[in-house]
Amino acid sequence: TAEFSLDGEMLSGNENFCKLFGYSQHDLDQLTHTALVDPNSKDPADSKDFWSDLCSGKAKSGDFKRLGKGGKELWIHGHYAPVMDSEGEPCKVILCA
């Protein structure tokens, strides 16, 4: 699993996430979600609308092409889930893959 702020900054990743993507915990402090996405992708799951939907509270599930450290291509089956605060507003996003 990994946690992201609503603007896509990486907040944390568990040990399995780090192993899969090839990053250390320290590396995660400098990453954003865009570092995990192929910049040449035409996949709608990699669009600005994808992240806008998450920020408005809409979860996303599916198979996603992602990039690990050094540009290593990875395919994950994942679920991006907005986490709501006490007032029902999204406050971060969790990726379970």
PDB file of N, CA and C in Angstrom:
ATOM      1  N   THR A   1       0.826  -1.191   0.000  1.00  0.00           N
ATOM      2  CA  THR A   1       0.000   0.000   0.000  1.00  0.00           C
ATOM      3  C   THR A   1       0.869   1.253   0.000  1.00  0.00           C
ATOM      4  N   ALA A   2       0.292   2.328  -0.485  1.00  0.00           N
ATOM      5  CA  ALA A   2       0.954   3.624  -0.489  1.00  0.00           C
ATOM      6  C   ALA A   2      -0.087   4.690  -0.206  1.00  0.00           C
ATOM      7  N   GLU A   3       0.353   5.780   0.390  1.00  0.00           N
ATOM      8  CA  GLU A   3      -0.518   6.908   0.675  1.00  0.00           C
ATOM      9  C   GLU A   3      -0.002   8.133  -0.062  1.00  0.00           C
ATOM     10  N   PHE A   4      -0.967   8.913  -0.598  1.00  0.00           N
ATOM     11  CA  PHE A   4      -0.650  10.132  -1.322  1.00  0.00           C
ATOM     12  C   PHE A   4      -1.475  11.282  -0.773  1.00  0.00           C
ATOM     13  N   SER A   5      -0.911  12.479  -0.819  1.00  0.00           N
ATOM     14  CA  SER A   5      -1.699  13.667  -0.509  1.00  0.00           C
ATOM     15  C   SER A   5      -2.635  13.912  -1.687  1.00  0.00           C
ATOM     16  N   LEU A   6      -3.577  14.805  -1.527  1.00  0.00           N
ATOM     17  CA  LEU A   6      -4.513  15.094  -2.611  1.00  0.00           C
ATOM     18  C   LEU A   6      -3.843  15.734  -3.819  1.00  0.00           C
ATOM     19  N   ASP A   7      -2.653  16.306  -3.645  1.00  0.00           N
ATOM     20  CA  ASP A   7      -1.941  16.854  -4.796  1.00  0.00           C
ATOM     21  C   ASP A   7      -0.924  15.868  -5.361  1.00  0.00           C
ATOM     22  N   GLY A   8      -0.997  14.602  -4.907  1.00  0.00           N
ATOM     23  CA  GLY A   8      -0.185  13.539  -5.495  1.00  0.00           C
ATOM     24  C   GLY A   8       1.166  13.295  -4.859  1.00  0.00           C
ATOM     25  N   GLU A   9       1.513  14.021  -3.803  1.00  0.00           N
ATOM     26  CA  GLU A   9       2.792  13.782  -3.129  1.00  0.00           C
ATOM     27  C   GLU A   9       2.724  12.461  -2.372  1.00  0.00           C
ATOM     28  N   MET A  10       3.799  11.708  -2.439  1.00  0.00           N
ATOM     29  CA  MET A  10       3.884  10.434  -1.731  1.00  0.00           C
ATOM     30  C   MET A  10       4.044  10.721  -0.237  1.00  0.00           C
ATOM     31  N   LEU A  11       3.144  10.150   0.562  1.00  0.00           N
ATOM     32  CA  LEU A  11       3.213  10.317   2.014  1.00  0.00           C
ATOM     33  C   LEU A  11       3.897   9.130   2.673  1.00  0.00           C
ATOM     34  N   SER A  12       3.615   7.925   2.161  1.00  0.00           N
ATOM     35  CA  SER A  12       4.240   6.728   2.716  1.00  0.00           C
ATOM     36  C   SER A  12       4.005   5.558   1.773  1.00  0.00           C
ATOM     37  N   GLY A  13       4.782   4.530   1.980  1.00  0.00           N
ATOM     38  CA  GLY A  13       4.619   3.273   1.255  1.00  0.00           C
ATOM     39  C   GLY A  13       5.100   2.158   2.161  1.00  0.00           C
ATOM     40  N   ASN A  14       4.378   1.046   2.146  1.00  0.00           N
ATOM     41  CA  ASN A  14       4.823  -0.039   3.014  1.00  0.00           C
ATOM     42  C   ASN A  14       5.991  -0.795   2.378  1.00  0.00           C
ATOM     43  N   GLU A  15       6.524  -1.760   3.095  1.00  0.00           N
ATOM     44  CA  GLU A  15       7.704  -2.499   2.640  1.00  0.00           C
ATOM     45  C   GLU A  15       7.458  -3.186   1.300  1.00  0.00           C
ATOM     46  N   ASN A  16       6.281  -3.782   1.115  1.00  0.00           N
ATOM     47  CA  ASN A  16       5.972  -4.456  -0.147  1.00  0.00           C
ATOM     48  C   ASN A  16       5.943  -3.478  -1.315  1.00  0.00           C
ATOM     49  N   PHE A  17       5.372  -2.308  -1.095  1.00  0.00           N
ATOM     50  CA  PHE A  17       5.348  -1.280  -2.131  1.00  0.00           C
ATOM     51  C   PHE A  17       6.779  -0.900  -2.515  1.00  0.00           C
ATOM     52  N   CYS A  18       7.607  -0.659  -1.513  1.00  0.00           N
ATOM     53  CA  CYS A  18       8.997  -0.270  -1.763  1.00  0.00           C
ATOM     54  C   CYS A  18       9.744  -1.345  -2.545  1.00  0.00           C
ATOM     55  N   LYS A  19       9.564  -2.599  -2.173  1.00  0.00           N
ATOM     56  CA  LYS A  19      10.226  -3.699  -2.887  1.00  0.00           C
ATOM     57  C   LYS A  19       9.756  -3.784  -4.331  1.00  0.00           C
ATOM     58  N   LEU A  20       8.449  -3.712  -4.541  1.00  0.00           N
ATOM     59  CA  LEU A  20       7.891  -3.824  -5.885  1.00  0.00           C
ATOM     60  C   LEU A  20       8.394  -2.711  -6.793  1.00  0.00           C
ATOM     61  N   PHE A  21       8.372  -1.485  -6.294  1.00  0.00           N
ATOM     62  CA  PHE A  21       8.752  -0.346  -7.113  1.00  0.00           C
ATOM     63  C   PHE A  21      10.249  -0.039  -7.080  1.00  0.00           C
ATOM     64  N   GLY A  22      10.989  -0.670  -6.176  1.00  0.00           N
ATOM     65  CA  GLY A  22      12.438  -0.495  -6.128  1.00  0.00           C
ATOM     66  C   GLY A  22      12.904   0.746  -5.391  1.00  0.00           C
ATOM     67  N   TYR A  23      12.050   1.328  -4.576  1.00  0.00           N
ATOM     68  CA  TYR A  23      12.400   2.530  -3.838  1.00  0.00           C
ATOM     69  C   TYR A  23      12.612   2.227  -2.363  1.00  0.00           C
ATOM     70  N   SER A  24      13.479   3.002  -1.731  1.00  0.00           N
ATOM     71  CA  SER A  24      13.630   2.930  -0.278  1.00  0.00           C
ATOM     72  C   SER A  24      12.607   3.870   0.347  1.00  0.00           C
ATOM     73  N   GLN A  25      12.400   3.724   1.651  1.00  0.00           N
ATOM     74  CA  GLN A  25      11.500   4.632   2.356  1.00  0.00           C
ATOM     75  C   GLN A  25      11.967   6.085   2.183  1.00  0.00           C
ATOM     76  N   HIS A  26      13.275   6.286   2.216  1.00  0.00           N
ATOM     77  CA  HIS A  26      13.832   7.631   2.062  1.00  0.00           C
ATOM     78  C   HIS A  26      13.494   8.203   0.676  1.00  0.00           C
ATOM     79  N   ASP A  27      13.568   7.355  -0.371  1.00  0.00           N
ATOM     80  CA  ASP A  27      13.245   7.806  -1.730  1.00  0.00           C
ATOM     81  C   ASP A  27      11.822   8.347  -1.826  1.00  0.00           C
ATOM     82  N   LEU A  28      10.912   7.727  -1.086  1.00  0.00           N
ATOM     83  CA  LEU A  28       9.498   8.084  -1.192  1.00  0.00           C
ATOM     84  C   LEU A  28       9.228   9.534  -0.803  1.00  0.00           C
ATOM     85  N   ASP A  29      10.070  10.089   0.054  1.00  0.00           N
ATOM     86  CA  ASP A  29       9.884  11.469   0.510  1.00  0.00           C
ATOM     87  C   ASP A  29       9.964  12.481  -0.628  1.00  0.00           C
ATOM     88  N   GLN A  30      10.622  12.098  -1.722  1.00  0.00           N
ATOM     89  CA  GLN A  30      10.803  13.031  -2.830  1.00  0.00           C
ATOM     90  C   GLN A  30       9.951  12.687  -4.052  1.00  0.00           C
ATOM     91  N   LEU A  31       9.046  11.717  -3.916  1.00  0.00           N
ATOM     92  CA  LEU A  31       8.265  11.267  -5.063  1.00  0.00           C
ATOM     93  C   LEU A  31       6.859  11.851  -5.078  1.00  0.00           C
ATOM     94  N   THR A  32       6.332  11.964  -6.267  1.00  0.00           N
ATOM     95  CA  THR A  32       4.918  12.252  -6.473  1.00  0.00           C
ATOM     96  C   THR A  32       4.350  11.112  -7.314  1.00  0.00           C
ATOM     97  N   HIS A  33       3.046  11.053  -7.395  1.00  0.00           N
ATOM     98  CA  HIS A  33       2.402   9.994  -8.174  1.00  0.00           C
ATOM     99  C   HIS A  33       2.863  10.026  -9.629  1.00  0.00           C
ATOM    100  N   THR A  34       3.149  11.201 -10.165  1.00  0.00           N
ATOM    101  CA  THR A  34       3.567  11.300 -11.564  1.00  0.00           C
ATOM    102  C   THR A  34       4.869  10.545 -11.834  1.00  0.00           C
ATOM    103  N   ALA A  35       5.713  10.348 -10.810  1.00  0.00           N
ATOM    104  CA  ALA A  35       6.945   9.582 -10.989  1.00  0.00           C
ATOM    105  C   ALA A  35       6.652   8.113 -11.283  1.00  0.00           C
ATOM    106  N   LEU A  36       5.458   7.657 -10.945  1.00  0.00           N
ATOM    107  CA  LEU A  36       5.083   6.258 -11.148  1.00  0.00           C
ATOM    108  C   LEU A  36       4.339   6.043 -12.462  1.00  0.00           C
ATOM    109  N   VAL A  37       4.079   7.118 -13.184  1.00  0.00           N
ATOM    110  CA  VAL A  37       3.254   7.054 -14.392  1.00  0.00           C
ATOM    111  C   VAL A  37       4.103   7.307 -15.629  1.00  0.00           C
ATOM    112  N   ASP A  38       3.878   6.508 -16.669  1.00  0.00           N
ATOM    113  CA  ASP A  38       4.566   6.669 -17.941  1.00  0.00           C
ATOM    114  C   ASP A  38       4.133   8.008 -18.555  1.00  0.00           C
ATOM    115  N   PRO A  39       5.076   8.932 -18.766  1.00  0.00           N
ATOM    116  CA  PRO A  39       4.693  10.245 -19.297  1.00  0.00           C
ATOM    117  C   PRO A  39       4.135  10.180 -20.718  1.00  0.00           C
ATOM    118  N   ASN A  40       4.380   9.086 -21.420  1.00  0.00           N
ATOM    119  CA  ASN A  40       3.884   8.935 -22.789  1.00  0.00           C
ATOM    120  C   ASN A  40       2.569   8.170 -22.859  1.00  0.00           C
ATOM    121  N   SER A  41       2.028   7.815 -21.714  1.00  0.00           N
ATOM    122  CA  SER A  41       0.809   7.013 -21.671  1.00  0.00           C
ATOM    123  C   SER A  41      -0.388   7.810 -22.156  1.00  0.00           C
ATOM    124  N   LYS A  42      -1.226   7.141 -22.911  1.00  0.00           N
ATOM    125  CA  LYS A  42      -2.499   7.727 -23.351  1.00  0.00           C
ATOM    126  C   LYS A  42      -3.662   7.119 -22.564  1.00  0.00           C
ATOM    127  N   ASP A  43      -3.334   6.315 -21.555  1.00  0.00           N
ATOM    128  CA  ASP A  43      -4.336   5.633 -20.750  1.00  0.00           C
ATOM    129  C   ASP A  43      -5.123   6.649 -19.932  1.00  0.00           C
ATOM    130  N   PRO A  44      -6.469   6.591 -19.985  1.00  0.00           N
ATOM    131  CA  PRO A  44      -7.258   7.539 -19.189  1.00  0.00           C
ATOM    132  C   PRO A  44      -6.996   7.435 -17.692  1.00  0.00           C
ATOM    133  N   ALA A  45      -6.499   6.287 -17.232  1.00  0.00           N
ATOM    134  CA  ALA A  45      -6.186   6.118 -15.812  1.00  0.00           C
ATOM    135  C   ALA A  45      -4.979   6.961 -15.402  1.00  0.00           C
ATOM    136  N   ASP A  46      -4.282   7.522 -16.358  1.00  0.00           N
ATOM    137  CA  ASP A  46      -3.124   8.352 -16.058  1.00  0.00           C
ATOM    138  C   ASP A  46      -3.381   9.838 -16.327  1.00  0.00           C
ATOM    139  N   SER A  47      -4.628  10.200 -16.546  1.00  0.00           N
ATOM    140  CA  SER A  47      -4.957  11.575 -16.900  1.00  0.00           C
ATOM    141  C   SER A  47      -5.194  12.441 -15.660  1.00  0.00           C
ATOM    142  N   LYS A  48      -5.281  13.731 -15.888  1.00  0.00           N
ATOM    143  CA  LYS A  48      -5.605  14.661 -14.798  1.00  0.00           C
ATOM    144  C   LYS A  48      -6.992  14.363 -14.245  1.00  0.00           C
ATOM    145  N   ASP A  49      -7.902  13.908 -15.116  1.00  0.00           N
ATOM    146  CA  ASP A  49      -9.252  13.583 -14.667  1.00  0.00           C
ATOM    147  C   ASP A  49      -9.242  12.451 -13.647  1.00  0.00           C
ATOM    148  N   PHE A  50      -8.322  11.506 -13.815  1.00  0.00           N
ATOM    149  CA  PHE A  50      -8.190  10.378 -12.886  1.00  0.00           C
ATOM    150  C   PHE A  50      -7.943  10.909 -11.478  1.00  0.00           C
ATOM    151  N   TRP A  51      -6.979  11.800 -11.337  1.00  0.00           N
ATOM    152  CA  TRP A  51      -6.644  12.345 -10.014  1.00  0.00           C
ATOM    153  C   TRP A  51      -7.738  13.289  -9.517  1.00  0.00           C
ATOM    154  N   SER A  52      -8.363  14.046 -10.409  1.00  0.00           N
ATOM    155  CA  SER A  52      -9.472  14.925 -10.012  1.00  0.00           C
ATOM    156  C   SER A  52     -10.629  14.124  -9.427  1.00  0.00           C
ATOM    157  N   ASP A  53     -10.921  12.981 -10.059  1.00  0.00           N
ATOM    158  CA  ASP A  53     -11.978  12.110  -9.530  1.00  0.00           C
ATOM    159  C   ASP A  53     -11.635  11.623  -8.131  1.00  0.00           C
ATOM    160  N   LEU A  54     -10.382  11.229  -7.916  1.00  0.00           N
ATOM    161  CA  LEU A  54      -9.961  10.780  -6.586  1.00  0.00           C
ATOM    162  C   LEU A  54     -10.133  11.896  -5.560  1.00  0.00           C
ATOM    163  N   CYS A  55      -9.756  13.095  -5.938  1.00  0.00           N
ATOM    164  CA  CYS A  55      -9.850  14.238  -5.021  1.00  0.00           C
ATOM    165  C   CYS A  55     -11.292  14.636  -4.727  1.00  0.00           C
ATOM    166  N   SER A  56     -12.205  14.208  -5.581  1.00  0.00           N
ATOM    167  CA  SER A  56     -13.616  14.509  -5.326  1.00  0.00           C
ATOM    168  C   SER A  56     -14.318  13.354  -4.620  1.00  0.00           C
ATOM    169  N   GLY A  57     -13.548  12.313  -4.245  1.00  0.00           N
ATOM    170  CA  GLY A  57     -14.107  11.221  -3.455  1.00  0.00           C
ATOM    171  C   GLY A  57     -14.453   9.965  -4.222  1.00  0.00           C
ATOM    172  N   LYS A  58     -14.126   9.890  -5.501  1.00  0.00           N
ATOM    173  CA  LYS A  58     -14.453   8.720  -6.325  1.00  0.00           C
ATOM    174  C   LYS A  58     -13.269   7.753  -6.361  1.00  0.00           C
ATOM    175  N   ALA A  59     -13.483   6.523  -5.908  1.00  0.00           N
ATOM    176  CA  ALA A  59     -12.436   5.485  -5.924  1.00  0.00           C
ATOM    177  C   ALA A  59     -12.233   4.984  -7.350  1.00  0.00           C
ATOM    178  N   LYS A  60     -11.058   4.450  -7.612  1.00  0.00           N
ATOM    179  CA  LYS A  60     -10.706   3.902  -8.925  1.00  0.00           C
ATOM    180  C   LYS A  60     -10.038   2.549  -8.738  1.00  0.00           C
ATOM    181  N   SER A  61     -10.455   1.576  -9.534  1.00  0.00           N
ATOM    182  CA  SER A  61      -9.849   0.244  -9.490  1.00  0.00           C
ATOM    183  C   SER A  61      -9.538  -0.210 -10.903  1.00  0.00           C
ATOM    184  N   GLY A  62      -8.532  -1.076 -11.015  1.00  0.00           N
ATOM    185  CA  GLY A  62      -8.224  -1.636 -12.322  1.00  0.00           C
ATOM    186  C   GLY A  62      -6.796  -2.101 -12.420  1.00  0.00           C
ATOM    187  N   ASP A  63      -6.402  -2.400 -13.642  1.00  0.00           N
ATOM    188  CA  ASP A  63      -5.027  -2.767 -13.951  1.00  0.00           C
ATOM    189  C   ASP A  63      -4.342  -1.511 -14.480  1.00  0.00           C
ATOM    190  N   PHE A  64      -3.193  -1.186 -13.878  1.00  0.00           N
ATOM    191  CA  PHE A  64      -2.513   0.051 -14.213  1.00  0.00           C
ATOM    192  C   PHE A  64      -1.059  -0.213 -14.557  1.00  0.00           C
ATOM    193  N   LYS A  65      -0.595   0.420 -15.633  1.00  0.00           N
ATOM    194  CA  LYS A  65       0.833   0.405 -15.956  1.00  0.00           C
ATOM    195  C   LYS A  65       1.488   1.480 -15.115  1.00  0.00           C
ATOM    196  N   ARG A  66       2.504   1.102 -14.380  1.00  0.00           N
ATOM    197  CA  ARG A  66       3.237   2.038 -13.551  1.00  0.00           C
ATOM    198  C   ARG A  66       4.730   1.850 -13.790  1.00  0.00           C
ATOM    199  N   LEU A  67       5.517   2.811 -13.356  1.00  0.00           N
ATOM    200  CA  LEU A  67       6.967   2.766 -13.510  1.00  0.00           C
ATOM    201  C   LEU A  67       7.627   2.706 -12.142  1.00  0.00           C
ATOM    202  N   GLY A  68       8.564   1.780 -12.003  1.00  0.00           N
ATOM    203  CA  GLY A  68       9.359   1.682 -10.794  1.00  0.00           C
ATOM    204  C   GLY A  68      10.632   2.495 -10.954  1.00  0.00           C
ATOM    205  N   LYS A  69      11.497   2.373  -9.994  1.00  0.00           N
ATOM    206  CA  LYS A  69      12.771   3.088 -10.008  1.00  0.00           C
ATOM    207  C   LYS A  69      13.527   2.753 -11.283  1.00  0.00           C
ATOM    208  N   GLY A  70      14.099   3.761 -11.894  1.00  0.00           N
ATOM    209  CA  GLY A  70      14.848   3.558 -13.119  1.00  0.00           C
ATOM    210  C   GLY A  70      13.980   3.332 -14.347  1.00  0.00           C
ATOM    211  N   GLY A  71      12.662   3.579 -14.228  1.00  0.00           N
ATOM    212  CA  GLY A  71      11.768   3.423 -15.364  1.00  0.00           C
ATOM    213  C   GLY A  71      11.296   2.005 -15.618  1.00  0.00           C
ATOM    214  N   LYS A  72      11.542   1.101 -14.657  1.00  0.00           N
ATOM    215  CA  LYS A  72      11.116  -0.291 -14.800  1.00  0.00           C
ATOM    216  C   LYS A  72       9.596  -0.361 -14.944  1.00  0.00           C
ATOM    217  N   GLU A  73       9.122  -0.989 -16.035  1.00  0.00           N
ATOM    218  CA  GLU A  73       7.687  -1.104 -16.284  1.00  0.00           C
ATOM    219  C   GLU A  73       7.069  -2.152 -15.371  1.00  0.00           C
ATOM    220  N   LEU A  74       5.982  -1.762 -14.712  1.00  0.00           N
ATOM    221  CA  LEU A  74       5.243  -2.656 -13.815  1.00  0.00           C
ATOM    222  C   LEU A  74       3.762  -2.589 -14.161  1.00  0.00           C
ATOM    223  N   TRP A  75       3.098  -3.709 -14.045  1.00  0.00           N
ATOM    224  CA  TRP A  75       1.643  -3.739 -14.157  1.00  0.00           C
ATOM    225  C   TRP A  75       1.101  -4.159 -12.809  1.00  0.00           C
ATOM    226  N   ILE A  76       0.186  -3.362 -12.288  1.00  0.00           N
ATOM    227  CA  ILE A  76      -0.406  -3.674 -10.990  1.00  0.00           C
ATOM    228  C   ILE A  76      -1.920  -3.767 -11.138  1.00  0.00           C
ATOM    229  N   HIS A  77      -2.523  -4.549 -10.292  1.00  0.00           N
ATOM    230  CA  HIS A  77      -3.967  -4.502 -10.119  1.00  0.00           C
ATOM    231  C   HIS A  77      -4.165  -3.723  -8.830  1.00  0.00           C
ATOM    232  N   GLY A  78      -4.779  -2.569  -8.925  1.00  0.00           N
ATOM    233  CA  GLY A  78      -4.840  -1.704  -7.769  1.00  0.00           C
ATOM    234  C   GLY A  78      -6.192  -1.076  -7.534  1.00  0.00           C
ATOM    235  N   HIS A  79      -6.316  -0.553  -6.333  1.00  0.00           N
ATOM    236  CA  HIS A  79      -7.511   0.182  -5.927  1.00  0.00           C
ATOM    237  C   HIS A  79      -7.039   1.466  -5.263  1.00  0.00           C
ATOM    238  N   TYR A  80      -7.383   2.594  -5.888  1.00  0.00           N
ATOM    239  CA  TYR A  80      -7.097   3.908  -5.331  1.00  0.00           C
ATOM    240  C   TYR A  80      -8.338   4.348  -4.563  1.00  0.00           C
ATOM    241  N   ALA A  81      -8.191   4.568  -3.267  1.00  0.00           N
ATOM    242  CA  ALA A  81      -9.340   4.906  -2.428  1.00  0.00           C
ATOM    243  C   ALA A  81      -9.114   6.235  -1.716  1.00  0.00           C
ATOM    244  N   PRO A  82      -9.996   7.206  -1.948  1.00  0.00           N
ATOM    245  CA  PRO A  82      -9.915   8.449  -1.175  1.00  0.00           C
ATOM    246  C   PRO A  82     -10.247   8.165   0.289  1.00  0.00           C
ATOM    247  N   VAL A  83      -9.527   8.793   1.186  1.00  0.00           N
ATOM    248  CA  VAL A  83      -9.792   8.693   2.618  1.00  0.00           C
ATOM    249  C   VAL A  83     -10.470   9.990   3.026  1.00  0.00           C
ATOM    250  N   MET A  84     -11.585   9.844   3.717  1.00  0.00           N
ATOM    251  CA  MET A  84     -12.359  11.018   4.103  1.00  0.00           C
ATOM    252  C   MET A  84     -12.027  11.462   5.522  1.00  0.00           C
ATOM    253  N   ASP A  85     -12.057  12.762   5.754  1.00  0.00           N
ATOM    254  CA  ASP A  85     -11.844  13.288   7.098  1.00  0.00           C
ATOM    255  C   ASP A  85     -13.158  13.234   7.882  1.00  0.00           C
ATOM    256  N   SER A  86     -13.147  13.780   9.079  1.00  0.00           N
ATOM    257  CA  SER A  86     -14.326  13.713   9.950  1.00  0.00           C
ATOM    258  C   SER A  86     -15.521  14.482   9.404  1.00  0.00           C
ATOM    259  N   GLU A  87     -15.289  15.352   8.436  1.00  0.00           N
ATOM    260  CA  GLU A  87     -16.386  16.117   7.841  1.00  0.00           C
ATOM    261  C   GLU A  87     -16.824  15.546   6.495  1.00  0.00           C
ATOM    262  N   GLY A  88     -16.286  14.358   6.153  1.00  0.00           N
ATOM    263  CA  GLY A  88     -16.670  13.707   4.911  1.00  0.00           C
ATOM    264  C   GLY A  88     -15.976  14.221   3.671  1.00  0.00           C
ATOM    265  N   GLU A  89     -14.913  14.976   3.846  1.00  0.00           N
ATOM    266  CA  GLU A  89     -14.149  15.510   2.728  1.00  0.00           C
ATOM    267  C   GLU A  89     -12.895  14.671   2.509  1.00  0.00           C
ATOM    268  N   PRO A  90     -12.501  14.425   1.260  1.00  0.00           N
ATOM    269  CA  PRO A  90     -11.269  13.681   0.995  1.00  0.00           C
ATOM    270  C   PRO A  90     -10.058  14.404   1.603  1.00  0.00           C
ATOM    271  N   CYS A  91      -9.168  13.629   2.225  1.00  0.00           N
ATOM    272  CA  CYS A  91      -7.970  14.236   2.827  1.00  0.00           C
ATOM    273  C   CYS A  91      -6.686  13.584   2.340  1.00  0.00           C
ATOM    274  N   LYS A  92      -6.764  12.371   1.773  1.00  0.00           N
ATOM    275  CA  LYS A  92      -5.616  11.713   1.161  1.00  0.00           C
ATOM    276  C   LYS A  92      -6.145  10.545   0.346  1.00  0.00           C
ATOM    277  N   VAL A  93      -5.232   9.882  -0.369  1.00  0.00           N
ATOM    278  CA  VAL A  93      -5.588   8.751  -1.221  1.00  0.00           C
ATOM    279  C   VAL A  93      -4.682   7.589  -0.860  1.00  0.00           C
ATOM    280  N   ILE A  94      -5.284   6.410  -0.730  1.00  0.00           N
ATOM    281  CA  ILE A  94      -4.521   5.187  -0.468  1.00  0.00           C
ATOM    282  C   ILE A  94      -4.580   4.307  -1.700  1.00  0.00           C
ATOM    283  N   LEU A  95      -3.430   3.790  -2.099  1.00  0.00           N
ATOM    284  CA  LEU A  95      -3.343   2.818  -3.177  1.00  0.00           C
ATOM    285  C   LEU A  95      -3.063   1.457  -2.565  1.00  0.00           C
ATOM    286  N   CYS A  96      -3.952   0.510  -2.802  1.00  0.00           N
ATOM    287  CA  CYS A  96      -3.722  -0.890  -2.421  1.00  0.00           C
ATOM    288  C   CYS A  96      -3.514  -1.640  -3.736  1.00  0.00           C
ATOM    289  N   ALA A  97      -2.384  -2.277  -3.872  1.00  0.00           N
ATOM    290  CA  ALA A  97      -2.071  -2.984  -5.123  1.00  0.00           C
ATOM    291  C   ALA A  97      -1.542  -4.369  -4.846  1.00  0.00           C
TER     292      ALA A  97
END
